[in-house]
Amino acid sequence: MPVKAIEWQIQAPVRPHEAVIGHQKQQNAGFVIGTNICASQLSDTEVIAACKRQSRVEGGFRCLKDPLFFVSSLLVKKPCRIQGLLMVMTLALLVYSVAQRRLRQHLAHYHETVPNQINHPPTSPT
């Protein structure tokens, strides 16, 4: 009778290699932060914490990378126009953030939810 299949089953204990994990953490732990804050005003950990909090605001600029937004087709040559466009974008993000915060506070205060696109009630709607 011919053999139709061969099955193998391997059992092996798995342990993390702490030296390799520690080395990888050290390799990935460094990053550069440029700031105009004097070192005597804030500690390194405070600067890093402030930098990490900015990611919420910077997420609002994701739309600039969207090909449907057509930002690359916008040709702004003068620095004053670039500054004006930046001011308008910053103001729009401020209004968006304030509206989002107020909506979340109102929903939390009244224990209500707003369904999202897949009809689930999110804990922090956007």
PDB file of N, CA and C in Angstrom:
ATOM      1  N   MET A   1       0.840  -1.166   0.000  1.00  0.00           N
ATOM      2  CA  MET A   1       0.000   0.000   0.000  1.00  0.00           C
ATOM      3  C   MET A   1       0.899   1.249   0.000  1.00  0.00           C
ATOM      4  N   PRO A   2       0.678   2.212  -0.902  1.00  0.00           N
ATOM      5  CA  PRO A   2       1.527   3.405  -0.952  1.00  0.00           C
ATOM      6  C   PRO A   2       1.197   4.365   0.205  1.00  0.00           C
ATOM      7  N   VAL A   3       2.215   5.109   0.608  1.00  0.00           N
ATOM      8  CA  VAL A   3       2.045   6.093   1.685  1.00  0.00           C
ATOM      9  C   VAL A   3       1.356   7.318   1.095  1.00  0.00           C
ATOM     10  N   LYS A   4       0.252   7.748   1.702  1.00  0.00           N
ATOM     11  CA  LYS A   4      -0.498   8.893   1.194  1.00  0.00           C
ATOM     12  C   LYS A   4      -0.046  10.205   1.840  1.00  0.00           C
ATOM     13  N   ALA A   5       0.380  10.149   3.071  1.00  0.00           N
ATOM     14  CA  ALA A   5       0.789  11.386   3.751  1.00  0.00           C
ATOM     15  C   ALA A   5       1.700  11.042   4.921  1.00  0.00           C
ATOM     16  N   ILE A   6       2.552  11.986   5.233  1.00  0.00           N
ATOM     17  CA  ILE A   6       3.417  11.856   6.402  1.00  0.00           C
ATOM     18  C   ILE A   6       3.183  13.087   7.258  1.00  0.00           C
ATOM     19  N   GLU A   7       2.917  12.889   8.516  1.00  0.00           N
ATOM     20  CA  GLU A   7       2.691  13.995   9.436  1.00  0.00           C
ATOM     21  C   GLU A   7       3.800  14.007  10.473  1.00  0.00           C
ATOM     22  N   TRP A   8       4.267  15.226  10.777  1.00  0.00           N
ATOM     23  CA  TRP A   8       5.283  15.408  11.793  1.00  0.00           C
ATOM     24  C   TRP A   8       4.721  16.319  12.870  1.00  0.00           C
ATOM     25  N   GLN A   9       5.080  16.047  14.070  1.00  0.00           N
ATOM     26  CA  GLN A   9       4.681  16.907  15.179  1.00  0.00           C
ATOM     27  C   GLN A   9       5.927  17.148  16.017  1.00  0.00           C
ATOM     28  N   ILE A  10       6.266  18.448  16.146  1.00  0.00           N
ATOM     29  CA  ILE A  10       7.462  18.820  16.893  1.00  0.00           C
ATOM     30  C   ILE A  10       7.026  19.601  18.126  1.00  0.00           C
ATOM     31  N   GLN A  11       7.603  19.256  19.246  1.00  0.00           N
ATOM     32  CA  GLN A  11       7.349  19.983  20.479  1.00  0.00           C
ATOM     33  C   GLN A  11       8.680  20.537  20.969  1.00  0.00           C
ATOM     34  N   ALA A  12       8.707  21.847  21.184  1.00  0.00           N
ATOM     35  CA  ALA A  12       9.941  22.471  21.626  1.00  0.00           C
ATOM     36  C   ALA A  12       9.617  23.588  22.614  1.00  0.00           C
ATOM     37  N   PRO A  13      10.371  23.681  23.680  1.00  0.00           N
ATOM     38  CA  PRO A  13      10.161  24.805  24.601  1.00  0.00           C
ATOM     39  C   PRO A  13      10.731  26.082  23.994  1.00  0.00           C
ATOM     40  N   VAL A  14      10.054  27.214  24.231  1.00  0.00           N
ATOM     41  CA  VAL A  14      10.489  28.483  23.682  1.00  0.00           C
ATOM     42  C   VAL A  14      10.723  29.451  24.837  1.00  0.00           C
ATOM     43  N   ARG A  15      11.904  30.074  24.847  1.00  0.00           N
ATOM     44  CA  ARG A  15      12.235  31.063  25.864  1.00  0.00           C
ATOM     45  C   ARG A  15      12.736  32.315  25.154  1.00  0.00           C
ATOM     46  N   PRO A  16      12.427  33.485  25.688  1.00  0.00           N
ATOM     47  CA  PRO A  16      12.973  34.709  25.082  1.00  0.00           C
ATOM     48  C   PRO A  16      14.466  34.829  25.375  1.00  0.00           C
ATOM     49  N   HIS A  17      15.219  35.288  24.408  1.00  0.00           N
ATOM     50  CA  HIS A  17      16.659  35.500  24.556  1.00  0.00           C
ATOM     51  C   HIS A  17      16.831  36.939  25.040  1.00  0.00           C
ATOM     52  N   GLU A  18      16.984  37.110  26.342  1.00  0.00           N
ATOM     53  CA  GLU A  18      16.973  38.430  26.964  1.00  0.00           C
ATOM     54  C   GLU A  18      18.071  39.343  26.429  1.00  0.00           C
ATOM     55  N   ALA A  19      19.248  38.809  26.131  1.00  0.00           N
ATOM     56  CA  ALA A  19      20.341  39.648  25.638  1.00  0.00           C
ATOM     57  C   ALA A  19      20.007  40.233  24.269  1.00  0.00           C
ATOM     58  N   VAL A  20      19.422  39.433  23.388  1.00  0.00           N
ATOM     59  CA  VAL A  20      19.060  39.909  22.053  1.00  0.00           C
ATOM     60  C   VAL A  20      17.924  40.927  22.152  1.00  0.00           C
ATOM     61  N   ILE A  21      16.950  40.661  23.006  1.00  0.00           N
ATOM     62  CA  ILE A  21      15.821  41.586  23.183  1.00  0.00           C
ATOM     63  C   ILE A  21      16.325  42.922  23.730  1.00  0.00           C
ATOM     64  N   GLY A  22      17.219  42.863  24.723  1.00  0.00           N
ATOM     65  CA  GLY A  22      17.780  44.092  25.282  1.00  0.00           C
ATOM     66  C   GLY A  22      18.560  44.883  24.256  1.00  0.00           C
ATOM     67  N   HIS A  23      19.326  44.199  23.416  1.00  0.00           N
ATOM     68  CA  HIS A  23      20.087  44.870  22.371  1.00  0.00           C
ATOM     69  C   HIS A  23      19.153  45.533  21.356  1.00  0.00           C
ATOM     70  N   GLN A  24      18.087  44.840  20.965  1.00  0.00           N
ATOM     71  CA  GLN A  24      17.130  45.416  20.015  1.00  0.00           C
ATOM     72  C   GLN A  24      16.426  46.636  20.606  1.00  0.00           C
ATOM     73  N   LYS A  25      16.105  46.582  21.895  1.00  0.00           N
ATOM     74  CA  LYS A  25      15.476  47.737  22.536  1.00  0.00           C
ATOM     75  C   LYS A  25      16.407  48.935  22.515  1.00  0.00           C
ATOM     76  N   GLN A  26      17.681  48.705  22.766  1.00  0.00           N
ATOM     77  CA  GLN A  26      18.650  49.798  22.739  1.00  0.00           C
ATOM     78  C   GLN A  26      18.797  50.368  21.324  1.00  0.00           C
ATOM     79  N   GLN A  27      18.760  49.515  20.322  1.00  0.00           N
ATOM     80  CA  GLN A  27      18.903  49.973  18.941  1.00  0.00           C
ATOM     81  C   GLN A  27      17.717  50.820  18.507  1.00  0.00           C
ATOM     82  N   ASN A  28      16.525  50.473  18.969  1.00  0.00           N
ATOM     83  CA  ASN A  28      15.311  51.169  18.551  1.00  0.00           C
ATOM     84  C   ASN A  28      14.917  52.299  19.498  1.00  0.00           C
ATOM     85  N   ALA A  29      15.660  52.508  20.569  1.00  0.00           N
ATOM     86  CA  ALA A  29      15.249  53.460  21.596  1.00  0.00           C
ATOM     87  C   ALA A  29      15.670  54.889  21.302  1.00  0.00           C
ATOM     88  N   GLY A  30      16.601  55.115  20.427  1.00  0.00           N
ATOM     89  CA  GLY A  30      17.109  56.455  20.208  1.00  0.00           C
ATOM     90  C   GLY A  30      16.358  57.219  19.148  1.00  0.00           C
ATOM     91  N   PHE A  31      16.091  58.479  19.415  1.00  0.00           N
ATOM     92  CA  PHE A  31      15.520  59.358  18.419  1.00  0.00           C
ATOM     93  C   PHE A  31      15.954  60.782  18.740  1.00  0.00           C
ATOM     94  N   VAL A  32      15.877  61.654  17.759  1.00  0.00           N
ATOM     95  CA  VAL A  32      16.351  63.022  17.901  1.00  0.00           C
ATOM     96  C   VAL A  32      15.146  63.949  17.985  1.00  0.00           C
ATOM     97  N   ILE A  33      15.185  64.842  18.958  1.00  0.00           N
ATOM     98  CA  ILE A  33      14.141  65.857  19.101  1.00  0.00           C
ATOM     99  C   ILE A  33      14.823  67.214  19.037  1.00  0.00           C
ATOM    100  N   GLY A  34      14.404  68.025  18.110  1.00  0.00           N
ATOM    101  CA  GLY A  34      14.915  69.385  18.005  1.00  0.00           C
ATOM    102  C   GLY A  34      13.936  70.332  18.660  1.00  0.00           C
ATOM    103  N   THR A  35      14.428  71.189  19.538  1.00  0.00           N
ATOM    104  CA  THR A  35      13.559  72.115  20.244  1.00  0.00           C
ATOM    105  C   THR A  35      14.313  73.400  20.544  1.00  0.00           C
ATOM    106  N   ASN A  36      13.582  74.455  20.800  1.00  0.00           N
ATOM    107  CA  ASN A  36      14.203  75.709  21.205  1.00  0.00           C
ATOM    108  C   ASN A  36      14.012  75.958  22.701  1.00  0.00           C
ATOM    109  N   ILE A  37      13.613  74.931  23.429  1.00  0.00           N
ATOM    110  CA  ILE A  37      13.423  75.031  24.873  1.00  0.00           C
ATOM    111  C   ILE A  37      14.780  74.838  25.549  1.00  0.00           C
ATOM    112  N   CYS A  38      15.095  75.713  26.460  1.00  0.00           N
ATOM    113  CA  CYS A  38      16.359  75.625  27.179  1.00  0.00           C
ATOM    114  C   CYS A  38      16.352  74.390  28.086  1.00  0.00           C
ATOM    115  N   ALA A  39      17.502  73.750  28.215  1.00  0.00           N
ATOM    116  CA  ALA A  39      17.606  72.523  29.012  1.00  0.00           C
ATOM    117  C   ALA A  39      17.297  72.774  30.479  1.00  0.00           C
ATOM    118  N   SER A  40      17.464  73.998  30.953  1.00  0.00           N
ATOM    119  CA  SER A  40      17.173  74.296  32.361  1.00  0.00           C
ATOM    120  C   SER A  40      15.674  74.453  32.619  1.00  0.00           C
ATOM    121  N   GLN A  41      14.870  74.658  31.571  1.00  0.00           N
ATOM    122  CA  GLN A  41      13.429  74.853  31.742  1.00  0.00           C
ATOM    123  C   GLN A  41      12.674  73.535  31.888  1.00  0.00           C
ATOM    124  N   LEU A  42      13.028  72.542  31.089  1.00  0.00           N
ATOM    125  CA  LEU A  42      12.344  71.252  31.117  1.00  0.00           C
ATOM    126  C   LEU A  42      13.363  70.130  31.129  1.00  0.00           C
ATOM    127  N   SER A  43      12.988  69.032  31.782  1.00  0.00           N
ATOM    128  CA  SER A  43      13.859  67.858  31.766  1.00  0.00           C
ATOM    129  C   SER A  43      13.664  67.103  30.447  1.00  0.00           C
ATOM    130  N   ASP A  44      14.555  66.166  30.181  1.00  0.00           N
ATOM    131  CA  ASP A  44      14.454  65.375  28.950  1.00  0.00           C
ATOM    132  C   ASP A  44      13.146  64.602  28.891  1.00  0.00           C
ATOM    133  N   THR A  45      12.727  64.028  30.014  1.00  0.00           N
ATOM    134  CA  THR A  45      11.486  63.243  30.018  1.00  0.00           C
ATOM    135  C   THR A  45      10.273  64.130  29.772  1.00  0.00           C
ATOM    136  N   GLU A  46      10.296  65.370  30.260  1.00  0.00           N
ATOM    137  CA  GLU A  46       9.178  66.278  30.010  1.00  0.00           C
ATOM    138  C   GLU A  46       9.110  66.684  28.535  1.00  0.00           C
ATOM    139  N   VAL A  47      10.262  66.887  27.929  1.00  0.00           N
ATOM    140  CA  VAL A  47      10.286  67.237  26.499  1.00  0.00           C
ATOM    141  C   VAL A  47       9.770  66.076  25.663  1.00  0.00           C
ATOM    142  N   ILE A  48      10.191  64.857  26.002  1.00  0.00           N
ATOM    143  CA  ILE A  48       9.726  63.677  25.265  1.00  0.00           C
ATOM    144  C   ILE A  48       8.220  63.491  25.434  1.00  0.00           C
ATOM    145  N   ALA A  49       7.718  63.691  26.665  1.00  0.00           N
ATOM    146  CA  ALA A  49       6.272  63.553  26.903  1.00  0.00           C
ATOM    147  C   ALA A  49       5.491  64.584  26.093  1.00  0.00           C
ATOM    148  N   ALA A  50       5.982  65.822  26.042  1.00  0.00           N
ATOM    149  CA  ALA A  50       5.310  66.859  25.256  1.00  0.00           C
ATOM    150  C   ALA A  50       5.342  66.529  23.777  1.00  0.00           C
ATOM    151  N   CYS A  51       6.448  65.983  23.320  1.00  0.00           N
ATOM    152  CA  CYS A  51       6.568  65.606  21.908  1.00  0.00           C
ATOM    153  C   CYS A  51       5.587  64.491  21.554  1.00  0.00           C
ATOM    154  N   LYS A  52       5.424  63.533  22.456  1.00  0.00           N
ATOM    155  CA  LYS A  52       4.497  62.429  22.191  1.00  0.00           C
ATOM    156  C   LYS A  52       3.051  62.900  22.191  1.00  0.00           C
ATOM    157  N   ARG A  53       2.730  63.909  22.978  1.00  0.00           N
ATOM    158  CA  ARG A  53       1.360  64.436  22.989  1.00  0.00           C
ATOM    159  C   ARG A  53       1.027  65.149  21.686  1.00  0.00           C
ATOM    160  N   GLN A  54       2.035  65.624  20.965  1.00  0.00           N
ATOM    161  CA  GLN A  54       1.788  66.324  19.712  1.00  0.00           C
ATOM    162  C   GLN A  54       1.312  65.403  18.616  1.00  0.00           C
ATOM    163  N   SER A  55       1.473  64.106  18.772  1.00  0.00           N
ATOM    164  CA  SER A  55       1.067  63.182  17.716  1.00  0.00           C
ATOM    165  C   SER A  55      -0.434  63.252  17.457  1.00  0.00           C
ATOM    166  N   ARG A  56      -1.212  63.639  18.465  1.00  0.00           N
ATOM    167  CA  ARG A  56      -2.657  63.789  18.256  1.00  0.00           C
ATOM    168  C   ARG A  56      -2.939  64.914  17.269  1.00  0.00           C
ATOM    169  N   VAL A  57      -2.224  66.017  17.423  1.00  0.00           N
ATOM    170  CA  VAL A  57      -2.426  67.153  16.524  1.00  0.00           C
ATOM    171  C   VAL A  57      -1.893  66.834  15.136  1.00  0.00           C
ATOM    172  N   GLU A  58      -0.732  66.219  15.072  1.00  0.00           N
ATOM    173  CA  GLU A  58      -0.133  65.920  13.789  1.00  0.00           C
ATOM    174  C   GLU A  58      -0.954  64.911  12.997  1.00  0.00           C
ATOM    175  N   GLY A  59      -1.762  64.119  13.685  1.00  0.00           N
ATOM    176  CA  GLY A  59      -2.636  63.188  12.979  1.00  0.00           C
ATOM    177  C   GLY A  59      -3.644  63.907  12.101  1.00  0.00           C
ATOM    178  N   GLY A  60      -3.978  65.144  12.456  1.00  0.00           N
ATOM    179  CA  GLY A  60      -4.901  65.924  11.649  1.00  0.00           C
ATOM    180  C   GLY A  60      -4.336  66.317  10.304  1.00  0.00           C
ATOM    181  N   PHE A  61      -3.000  66.323  10.185  1.00  0.00           N
ATOM    182  CA  PHE A  61      -2.374  66.680   8.925  1.00  0.00           C
ATOM    183  C   PHE A  61      -2.245  65.484   7.988  1.00  0.00           C
ATOM    184  N   ARG A  62      -2.742  64.324   8.392  1.00  0.00           N
ATOM    185  CA  ARG A  62      -2.680  63.143   7.522  1.00  0.00           C
ATOM    186  C   ARG A  62      -3.393  63.367   6.210  1.00  0.00           C
ATOM    187  N   CYS A  63      -4.406  64.209   6.234  1.00  0.00           N
ATOM    188  CA  CYS A  63      -5.162  64.460   5.008  1.00  0.00           C
ATOM    189  C   CYS A  63      -4.293  65.066   3.915  1.00  0.00           C
ATOM    190  N   LEU A  64      -3.196  65.734   4.307  1.00  0.00           N
ATOM    191  CA  LEU A  64      -2.318  66.335   3.303  1.00  0.00           C
ATOM    192  C   LEU A  64      -1.641  65.293   2.435  1.00  0.00           C
ATOM    193  N   LYS A  65      -1.453  64.093   2.970  1.00  0.00           N
ATOM    194  CA  LYS A  65      -0.809  63.031   2.207  1.00  0.00           C
ATOM    195  C   LYS A  65      -1.797  62.253   1.355  1.00  0.00           C
ATOM    196  N   ASP A  66      -3.065  62.469   1.571  1.00  0.00           N
ATOM    197  CA  ASP A  66      -4.089  61.762   0.814  1.00  0.00           C
ATOM    198  C   ASP A  66      -4.103  62.266  -0.632  1.00  0.00           C
ATOM    199  N   PRO A  67      -4.017  61.354  -1.611  1.00  0.00           N
ATOM    200  CA  PRO A  67      -4.000  61.810  -3.013  1.00  0.00           C
ATOM    201  C   PRO A  67      -5.293  62.502  -3.434  1.00  0.00           C
ATOM    202  N   LEU A  68      -6.391  62.266  -2.735  1.00  0.00           N
ATOM    203  CA  LEU A  68      -7.647  62.914  -3.088  1.00  0.00           C
ATOM    204  C   LEU A  68      -7.686  64.374  -2.646  1.00  0.00           C
ATOM    205  N   PHE A  69      -6.758  64.770  -1.790  1.00  0.00           N
ATOM    206  CA  PHE A  69      -6.746  66.141  -1.278  1.00  0.00           C
ATOM    207  C   PHE A  69      -6.087  67.110  -2.248  1.00  0.00           C
ATOM    208  N   PHE A  70      -5.294  66.608  -3.175  1.00  0.00           N
ATOM    209  CA  PHE A  70      -4.654  67.386  -4.235  1.00  0.00           C
ATOM    210  C   PHE A  70      -3.748  68.504  -3.712  1.00  0.00           C
ATOM    211  N   VAL A  71      -3.072  68.287  -2.605  1.00  0.00           N
ATOM    212  CA  VAL A  71      -2.162  69.308  -2.090  1.00  0.00           C
ATOM    213  C   VAL A  71      -0.950  69.453  -2.985  1.00  0.00           C
ATOM    214  N   SER A  72      -0.503  68.360  -3.586  1.00  0.00           N
ATOM    215  CA  SER A  72       0.673  68.448  -4.447  1.00  0.00           C
ATOM    216  C   SER A  72       0.419  69.316  -5.672  1.00  0.00           C
ATOM    217  N   SER A  73      -0.825  69.467  -6.059  1.00  0.00           N
ATOM    218  CA  SER A  73      -1.115  70.306  -7.222  1.00  0.00           C
ATOM    219  C   SER A  73      -1.187  71.785  -6.850  1.00  0.00           C
ATOM    220  N   LEU A  74      -1.198  72.084  -5.581  1.00  0.00           N
ATOM    221  CA  LEU A  74      -1.259  73.460  -5.114  1.00  0.00           C
ATOM    222  C   LEU A  74       0.156  74.043  -5.144  1.00  0.00           C
ATOM    223  N   LEU A  75       0.358  75.032  -5.975  1.00  0.00           N
ATOM    224  CA  LEU A  75       1.683  75.618  -6.139  1.00  0.00           C
ATOM    225  C   LEU A  75       1.719  76.951  -5.408  1.00  0.00           C
ATOM    226  N   VAL A  76       2.445  76.980  -4.311  1.00  0.00           N
ATOM    227  CA  VAL A  76       2.578  78.199  -3.533  1.00  0.00           C
ATOM    228  C   VAL A  76       4.055  78.572  -3.540  1.00  0.00           C
ATOM    229  N   LYS A  77       4.391  79.688  -4.174  1.00  0.00           N
ATOM    230  CA  LYS A  77       5.793  80.067  -4.325  1.00  0.00           C
ATOM    231  C   LYS A  77       6.253  81.056  -3.260  1.00  0.00           C
ATOM    232  N   LYS A  78       5.394  81.951  -2.833  1.00  0.00           N
ATOM    233  CA  LYS A  78       5.806  82.986  -1.897  1.00  0.00           C
ATOM    234  C   LYS A  78       5.729  82.474  -0.456  1.00  0.00           C
ATOM    235  N   PRO A  79       6.728  82.799   0.365  1.00  0.00           N
ATOM    236  CA  PRO A  79       6.704  82.370   1.773  1.00  0.00           C
ATOM    237  C   PRO A  79       5.490  82.897   2.531  1.00  0.00           C
ATOM    238  N   CYS A  80       5.026  84.103   2.193  1.00  0.00           N
ATOM    239  CA  CYS A  80       3.864  84.640   2.915  1.00  0.00           C
ATOM    240  C   CYS A  80       2.613  83.817   2.607  1.00  0.00           C
ATOM    241  N   ARG A  81       2.516  83.276   1.409  1.00  0.00           N
ATOM    242  CA  ARG A  81       1.360  82.436   1.069  1.00  0.00           C
ATOM    243  C   ARG A  81       1.444  81.076   1.755  1.00  0.00           C
ATOM    244  N   ILE A  82       2.665  80.559   1.870  1.00  0.00           N
ATOM    245  CA  ILE A  82       2.849  79.295   2.591  1.00  0.00           C
ATOM    246  C   ILE A  82       2.459  79.485   4.051  1.00  0.00           C
ATOM    247  N   GLN A  83       2.882  80.609   4.645  1.00  0.00           N
ATOM    248  CA  GLN A  83       2.534  80.888   6.033  1.00  0.00           C
ATOM    249  C   GLN A  83       1.031  81.068   6.197  1.00  0.00           C
ATOM    250  N   GLY A  84       0.399  81.719   5.224  1.00  0.00           N
ATOM    251  CA  GLY A  84      -1.048  81.897   5.280  1.00  0.00           C
ATOM    252  C   GLY A  84      -1.785  80.565   5.200  1.00  0.00           C
ATOM    253  N   LEU A  85      -1.328  79.690   4.299  1.00  0.00           N
ATOM    254  CA  LEU A  85      -1.937  78.375   4.170  1.00  0.00           C
ATOM    255  C   LEU A  85      -1.748  77.561   5.454  1.00  0.00           C
ATOM    256  N   LEU A  86      -0.566  77.662   6.042  1.00  0.00           N
ATOM    257  CA  LEU A  86      -0.302  76.970   7.298  1.00  0.00           C
ATOM    258  C   LEU A  86      -1.194  77.496   8.411  1.00  0.00           C
ATOM    259  N   MET A  87      -1.409  78.816   8.445  1.00  0.00           N
ATOM    260  CA  MET A  87      -2.276  79.391   9.469  1.00  0.00           C
ATOM    261  C   MET A  87      -3.721  78.899   9.311  1.00  0.00           C
ATOM    262  N   VAL A  88      -4.196  78.843   8.078  1.00  0.00           N
ATOM    263  CA  VAL A  88      -5.557  78.365   7.836  1.00  0.00           C
ATOM    264  C   VAL A  88      -5.695  76.894   8.236  1.00  0.00           C
ATOM    265  N   MET A  89      -4.694  76.076   7.884  1.00  0.00           N
ATOM    266  CA  MET A  89      -4.731  74.657   8.261  1.00  0.00           C
ATOM    267  C   MET A  89      -4.703  74.486   9.775  1.00  0.00           C
ATOM    268  N   THR A  90      -3.862  75.269  10.455  1.00  0.00           N
ATOM    269  CA  THR A  90      -3.772  75.177  11.915  1.00  0.00           C
ATOM    270  C   THR A  90      -5.083  75.597  12.564  1.00  0.00           C
ATOM    271  N   LEU A  91      -5.682  76.661  12.067  1.00  0.00           N
ATOM    272  CA  LEU A  91      -6.968  77.100  12.606  1.00  0.00           C
ATOM    273  C   LEU A  91      -8.051  76.046  12.376  1.00  0.00           C
ATOM    274  N   ALA A  92      -8.048  75.426  11.195  1.00  0.00           N
ATOM    275  CA  ALA A  92      -9.024  74.372  10.911  1.00  0.00           C
ATOM    276  C   ALA A  92      -8.832  73.185  11.853  1.00  0.00           C
ATOM    277  N   LEU A  93      -7.575  72.821  12.123  1.00  0.00           N
ATOM    278  CA  LEU A  93      -7.322  71.725  13.061  1.00  0.00           C
ATOM    279  C   LEU A  93      -7.739  72.089  14.473  1.00  0.00           C
ATOM    280  N   LEU A  94      -7.564  73.348  14.857  1.00  0.00           N
ATOM    281  CA  LEU A  94      -7.990  73.791  16.184  1.00  0.00           C
ATOM    282  C   LEU A  94      -9.505  73.663  16.332  1.00  0.00           C
ATOM    283  N   VAL A  95     -10.229  74.142  15.331  1.00  0.00           N
ATOM    284  CA  VAL A  95     -11.699  74.044  15.368  1.00  0.00           C
ATOM    285  C   VAL A  95     -12.125  72.581  15.400  1.00  0.00           C
ATOM    286  N   TYR A  96     -11.490  71.749  14.592  1.00  0.00           N
ATOM    287  CA  TYR A  96     -11.809  70.313  14.556  1.00  0.00           C
ATOM    288  C   TYR A  96     -11.561  69.672  15.920  1.00  0.00           C
ATOM    289  N   SER A  97     -10.429  69.995  16.542  1.00  0.00           N
ATOM    290  CA  SER A  97     -10.092  69.400  17.840  1.00  0.00           C
ATOM    291  C   SER A  97     -11.058  69.845  18.928  1.00  0.00           C
ATOM    292  N   VAL A  98     -11.430  71.131  18.918  1.00  0.00           N
ATOM    293  CA  VAL A  98     -12.374  71.636  19.921  1.00  0.00           C
ATOM    294  C   VAL A  98     -13.738  70.971  19.745  1.00  0.00           C
ATOM    295  N   ALA A  99     -14.197  70.851  18.507  1.00  0.00           N
ATOM    296  CA  ALA A  99     -15.487  70.207  18.262  1.00  0.00           C
ATOM    297  C   ALA A  99     -15.459  68.739  18.675  1.00  0.00           C
ATOM    298  N   GLN A 100     -14.368  68.051  18.369  1.00  0.00           N
ATOM    299  CA  GLN A 100     -14.237  66.642  18.748  1.00  0.00           C
ATOM    300  C   GLN A 100     -14.230  66.488  20.268  1.00  0.00           C
ATOM    301  N   ARG A 101     -13.514  67.360  20.956  1.00  0.00           N
ATOM    302  CA  ARG A 101     -13.443  67.293  22.427  1.00  0.00           C
ATOM    303  C   ARG A 101     -14.811  67.550  23.045  1.00  0.00           C
ATOM    304  N   ARG A 102     -15.508  68.567  22.544  1.00  0.00           N
ATOM    305  CA  ARG A 102     -16.835  68.872  23.094  1.00  0.00           C
ATOM    306  C   ARG A 102     -17.829  67.742  22.846  1.00  0.00           C
ATOM    307  N   LEU A 103     -17.755  67.139  21.665  1.00  0.00           N
ATOM    308  CA  LEU A 103     -18.636  66.017  21.374  1.00  0.00           C
ATOM    309  C   LEU A 103     -18.370  64.862  22.333  1.00  0.00           C
ATOM    310  N   ARG A 104     -17.098  64.532  22.536  1.00  0.00           N
ATOM    311  CA  ARG A 104     -16.757  63.432  23.445  1.00  0.00           C
ATOM    312  C   ARG A 104     -17.193  63.733  24.875  1.00  0.00           C
ATOM    313  N   GLN A 105     -16.996  64.969  25.333  1.00  0.00           N
ATOM    314  CA  GLN A 105     -17.413  65.330  26.686  1.00  0.00           C
ATOM    315  C   GLN A 105     -18.919  65.242  26.845  1.00  0.00           C
ATOM    316  N   HIS A 106     -19.642  65.732  25.855  1.00  0.00           N
ATOM    317  CA  HIS A 106     -21.112  65.695  25.911  1.00  0.00           C
ATOM    318  C   HIS A 106     -21.618  64.249  25.931  1.00  0.00           C
ATOM    319  N   LEU A 107     -21.062  63.415  25.069  1.00  0.00           N
ATOM    320  CA  LEU A 107     -21.496  62.019  25.033  1.00  0.00           C
ATOM    321  C   LEU A 107     -21.150  61.298  26.328  1.00  0.00           C
ATOM    322  N   ALA A 108     -19.980  61.594  26.905  1.00  0.00           N
ATOM    323  CA  ALA A 108     -19.593  60.959  28.167  1.00  0.00           C
ATOM    324  C   ALA A 108     -20.471  61.439  29.306  1.00  0.00           C
ATOM    325  N   HIS A 109     -20.832  62.724  29.305  1.00  0.00           N
ATOM    326  CA  HIS A 109     -21.666  63.273  30.378  1.00  0.00           C
ATOM    327  C   HIS A 109     -23.062  62.648  30.381  1.00  0.00           C
ATOM    328  N   TYR A 110     -23.627  62.452  29.216  1.00  0.00           N
ATOM    329  CA  TYR A 110     -24.973  61.883  29.118  1.00  0.00           C
ATOM    330  C   TYR A 110     -24.972  60.377  28.870  1.00  0.00           C
ATOM    331  N   HIS A 111     -23.822  59.746  28.906  1.00  0.00           N
ATOM    332  CA  HIS A 111     -23.685  58.302  28.703  1.00  0.00           C
ATOM    333  C   HIS A 111     -24.362  57.860  27.399  1.00  0.00           C
ATOM    334  N   GLU A 112     -24.071  58.595  26.326  1.00  0.00           N
ATOM    335  CA  GLU A 112     -24.632  58.293  25.019  1.00  0.00           C
ATOM    336  C   GLU A 112     -23.507  57.914  24.063  1.00  0.00           C
ATOM    337  N   THR A 113     -23.877  57.335  22.950  1.00  0.00           N
ATOM    338  CA  THR A 113     -22.904  56.993  21.912  1.00  0.00           C
ATOM    339  C   THR A 113     -23.447  57.398  20.554  1.00  0.00           C
ATOM    340  N   VAL A 114     -22.549  57.493  19.607  1.00  0.00           N
ATOM    341  CA  VAL A 114     -22.904  57.772  18.227  1.00  0.00           C
ATOM    342  C   VAL A 114     -22.380  56.594  17.407  1.00  0.00           C
ATOM    343  N   PRO A 115     -23.217  55.916  16.638  1.00  0.00           N
ATOM    344  CA  PRO A 115     -22.710  54.770  15.877  1.00  0.00           C
ATOM    345  C   PRO A 115     -21.734  55.210  14.784  1.00  0.00           C
ATOM    346  N   ASN A 116     -20.733  54.376  14.554  1.00  0.00           N
ATOM    347  CA  ASN A 116     -19.754  54.677  13.496  1.00  0.00           C
ATOM    348  C   ASN A 116     -20.204  54.049  12.177  1.00  0.00           C
ATOM    349  N   GLN A 117     -19.286  53.962  11.212  1.00  0.00           N
ATOM    350  CA  GLN A 117     -19.645  53.486   9.875  1.00  0.00           C
ATOM    351  C   GLN A 117     -20.106  52.028   9.871  1.00  0.00           C
ATOM    352  N   ILE A 118     -19.611  51.233  10.809  1.00  0.00           N
ATOM    353  CA  ILE A 118     -20.011  49.820  10.851  1.00  0.00           C
ATOM    354  C   ILE A 118     -21.051  49.577  11.940  1.00  0.00           C
ATOM    355  N   ASN A 119     -21.705  50.664  12.372  1.00  0.00           N
ATOM    356  CA  ASN A 119     -22.831  50.620  13.299  1.00  0.00           C
ATOM    357  C   ASN A 119     -22.455  50.083  14.687  1.00  0.00           C
ATOM    358  N   HIS A 120     -21.229  50.360  15.122  1.00  0.00           N
ATOM    359  CA  HIS A 120     -20.811  50.037  16.474  1.00  0.00           C
ATOM    360  C   HIS A 120     -20.633  51.326  17.260  1.00  0.00           C
ATOM    361  N   PRO A 121     -20.988  51.335  18.536  1.00  0.00           N
ATOM    362  CA  PRO A 121     -20.795  52.556  19.325  1.00  0.00           C
ATOM    363  C   PRO A 121     -19.340  52.676  19.789  1.00  0.00           C
ATOM    364  N   PRO A 122     -18.554  53.600  19.243  1.00  0.00           N
ATOM    365  CA  PRO A 122     -17.160  53.731  19.667  1.00  0.00           C
ATOM    366  C   PRO A 122     -17.051  54.446  21.017  1.00  0.00           C
ATOM    367  N   THR A 123     -15.969  54.182  21.738  1.00  0.00           N
ATOM    368  CA  THR A 123     -15.774  54.819  23.022  1.00  0.00           C
ATOM    369  C   THR A 123     -15.278  56.256  22.858  1.00  0.00           C
ATOM    370  N   SER A 124     -14.562  56.526  21.783  1.00  0.00           N
ATOM    371  CA  SER A 124     -14.086  57.899  21.536  1.00  0.00           C
ATOM    372  C   SER A 124     -14.321  58.239  20.063  1.00  0.00           C
ATOM    373  N   PRO A 125     -15.508  58.746  19.738  1.00  0.00           N
ATOM    374  CA  PRO A 125     -15.824  59.024  18.334  1.00  0.00           C
ATOM    375  C   PRO A 125     -14.991  60.181  17.792  1.00  0.00           C
ATOM    376  N   THR A 126     -14.745  60.137  16.499  1.00  0.00           N
ATOM    377  CA  THR A 126     -14.012  61.220  15.839  1.00  0.00           C
ATOM    378  C   THR A 126     -14.920  61.916  14.841  1.00  0.00           C
TER     379      THR A 126
END
